[in-house]
Amino acid sequence: MFSHVMVGSDNVELSKVFYDKLLDVLGYREGIIDEKGRCFYIAKSGVFAISKPIDGRSMTHANGGTIGFIADSPSKVDEWHAVGIANGGSECEEPPGIRENVFGRLYVAYLRDPYGNKICALHRVNE
């Protein structure tokens, strides 16, 4: 559905270390830094990127925004959460577990990355 998602960071290199470890849990390769200092994680399902704000101001996170990464099992969601906490992420919302909503039964975990962006890992239990 999405071509790409980009989050802001005042320190792309620090954010790359965090996301390299976190996305490795989900089976993605290490991010690539381009000539402008942006970091890209390229997959068949889309692109996740990190960049300093292009307007030159300090980064701010989106209030109400969340970026979700698909996980293939509840254990991968738990591992993703643990790796995130161990690498500079912080707790956000409820502990990892089942949530039921209009999308069905989901096993999810939420974190804030080192710059406050809200992220989650999600496994659709019904699939």
Protein backbone atom coordinates (compact mmCIF):
# COMPACT_ATOMS: atom_id res chain seq x y z
CA MET A 1 0.00 0.00 0.00
CA PHE A 2 2.84 2.42 0.75
CA SER A 3 5.86 3.17 -1.43
CA HIS A 4 7.96 4.35 1.51
CA VAL A 5 7.94 5.69 5.04
CA MET A 6 10.58 8.14 6.27
CA VAL A 7 11.25 9.21 9.86
CA GLY A 8 13.31 12.15 10.99
CA SER A 9 16.44 12.04 13.11
CA ASP A 10 19.01 14.57 14.22
CA ASN A 11 21.61 11.77 14.17
CA VAL A 12 21.04 9.38 11.25
CA GLU A 13 24.05 7.24 12.19
CA LEU A 14 22.69 6.63 15.73
CA SER A 15 19.26 5.86 14.33
CA LYS A 16 20.80 3.49 11.76
CA VAL A 17 22.44 1.44 14.53
CA PHE A 18 19.05 1.17 16.31
CA TYR A 19 17.09 0.22 13.17
CA ASP A 20 19.81 -2.14 11.85
CA LYS A 21 19.42 -4.24 14.99
CA LEU A 22 15.64 -3.93 15.17
CA LEU A 23 14.93 -4.71 11.51
CA ASP A 24 17.44 -7.58 11.49
CA VAL A 25 15.05 -9.39 13.86
CA LEU A 26 12.38 -9.16 11.14
CA GLY A 27 14.74 -10.40 8.42
CA TYR A 28 15.72 -7.12 6.71
CA ARG A 29 19.22 -6.20 5.60
CA GLU A 30 21.29 -3.39 7.08
CA GLY A 31 20.39 0.13 5.97
CA ILE A 32 22.30 1.90 3.20
CA ILE A 33 23.51 5.49 3.65
CA ASP A 34 23.23 7.59 0.47
CA GLU A 35 25.31 10.59 -0.64
CA LYS A 36 22.94 12.97 1.20
CA GLY A 37 23.39 11.13 4.51
CA ARG A 38 19.97 9.47 4.48
CA CYS A 39 19.55 5.81 5.43
CA PHE A 40 17.39 3.42 3.38
CA TYR A 41 16.08 -0.09 4.10
CA ILE A 42 14.86 -1.48 0.78
CA ALA A 43 12.51 -4.47 0.57
CA LYS A 44 10.05 -5.85 -1.97
CA SER A 45 7.21 -4.60 0.24
CA GLY A 46 8.46 -0.99 0.36
CA VAL A 47 11.17 1.30 1.70
CA PHE A 48 11.80 2.55 5.22
CA ALA A 49 14.11 5.56 5.48
CA ILE A 50 15.73 7.89 8.02
CA SER A 51 16.71 11.49 7.26
CA LYS A 52 17.67 14.72 8.92
CA PRO A 53 14.87 17.25 8.34
CA ILE A 54 15.44 18.95 4.99
CA ASP A 55 14.33 22.33 6.36
CA GLY A 56 17.40 22.44 8.64
CA ARG A 57 15.33 22.51 11.86
CA SER A 58 15.53 19.95 14.66
CA MET A 59 13.61 16.74 14.22
CA THR A 60 10.22 16.29 15.92
CA HIS A 61 8.16 13.12 15.99
CA ALA A 62 4.61 12.92 14.68
CA ASN A 63 2.07 13.14 17.48
CA GLY A 64 -0.47 10.42 16.74
CA GLY A 65 1.66 8.79 14.05
CA THR A 66 2.78 5.16 14.20
CA ILE A 67 4.85 3.07 11.79
CA GLY A 68 4.10 -0.66 11.86
CA PHE A 69 6.43 -3.45 10.78
CA ILE A 70 5.03 -6.91 9.94
CA ALA A 71 6.38 -9.83 11.98
CA ASP A 72 5.84 -13.50 11.11
CA SER A 73 5.15 -14.70 14.68
CA PRO A 74 4.39 -13.49 18.21
CA SER A 75 7.89 -14.60 19.25
CA LYS A 76 9.40 -12.29 16.60
CA VAL A 77 7.30 -9.42 17.99
CA ASP A 78 8.65 -10.14 21.49
CA GLU A 79 12.23 -10.39 20.21
CA TRP A 80 11.80 -7.13 18.23
CA HIS A 81 10.57 -5.38 21.39
CA ALA A 82 13.44 -6.70 23.53
CA VAL A 83 16.07 -5.77 20.93
CA GLY A 84 14.57 -2.30 20.63
CA ILE A 85 14.69 -1.69 24.39
CA ALA A 86 18.27 -3.02 24.55
CA ASN A 87 19.36 -0.62 21.79
CA GLY A 88 17.98 2.71 22.95
CA GLY A 89 14.24 2.39 22.37
CA SER A 90 11.74 3.11 25.13
CA GLU A 91 8.49 1.58 26.33
CA CYS A 92 5.31 2.90 24.79
CA GLU A 93 1.69 1.88 25.38
CA GLU A 94 0.89 -1.54 26.86
CA PRO A 95 3.34 -4.47 27.03
CA PRO A 96 3.51 -6.75 23.96
CA GLY A 97 0.40 -8.86 23.57
CA ILE A 98 -2.91 -9.53 21.86
CA ARG A 99 -5.12 -6.64 20.78
CA GLU A 100 -8.52 -7.20 19.20
CA ASN A 101 -10.08 -4.65 16.92
CA VAL A 102 -11.83 -4.33 13.55
CA PHE A 103 -8.72 -5.91 11.95
CA GLY A 104 -9.07 -9.08 14.05
CA ARG A 105 -6.64 -10.51 16.61
CA LEU A 106 -3.25 -8.87 16.46
CA TYR A 107 -0.13 -9.58 18.50
CA VAL A 108 1.64 -6.23 18.76
CA ALA A 109 4.40 -4.38 20.58
CA TYR A 110 5.03 -0.64 20.59
CA LEU A 111 8.25 1.34 21.12
CA ARG A 112 9.59 4.82 20.69
CA ASP A 113 12.87 4.96 18.79
CA PRO A 114 15.78 7.01 20.20
CA TYR A 115 14.25 10.17 18.66
CA GLY A 116 10.68 9.58 19.84
CA ASN A 117 9.12 8.14 16.68
CA LYS A 118 6.38 5.65 17.59
CA ILE A 119 6.87 2.25 15.96
CA CYS A 120 5.32 -1.18 16.33
CA ALA A 121 5.75 -4.78 15.27
CA LEU A 122 2.56 -6.60 14.37
CA HIS A 123 1.63 -10.24 13.76
CA ARG A 124 -1.88 -11.02 12.49
CA VAL A 125 -2.94 -13.96 14.65
CA ASN A 126 -5.81 -14.94 12.31
CA GLU A 127 -3.51 -15.56 9.34
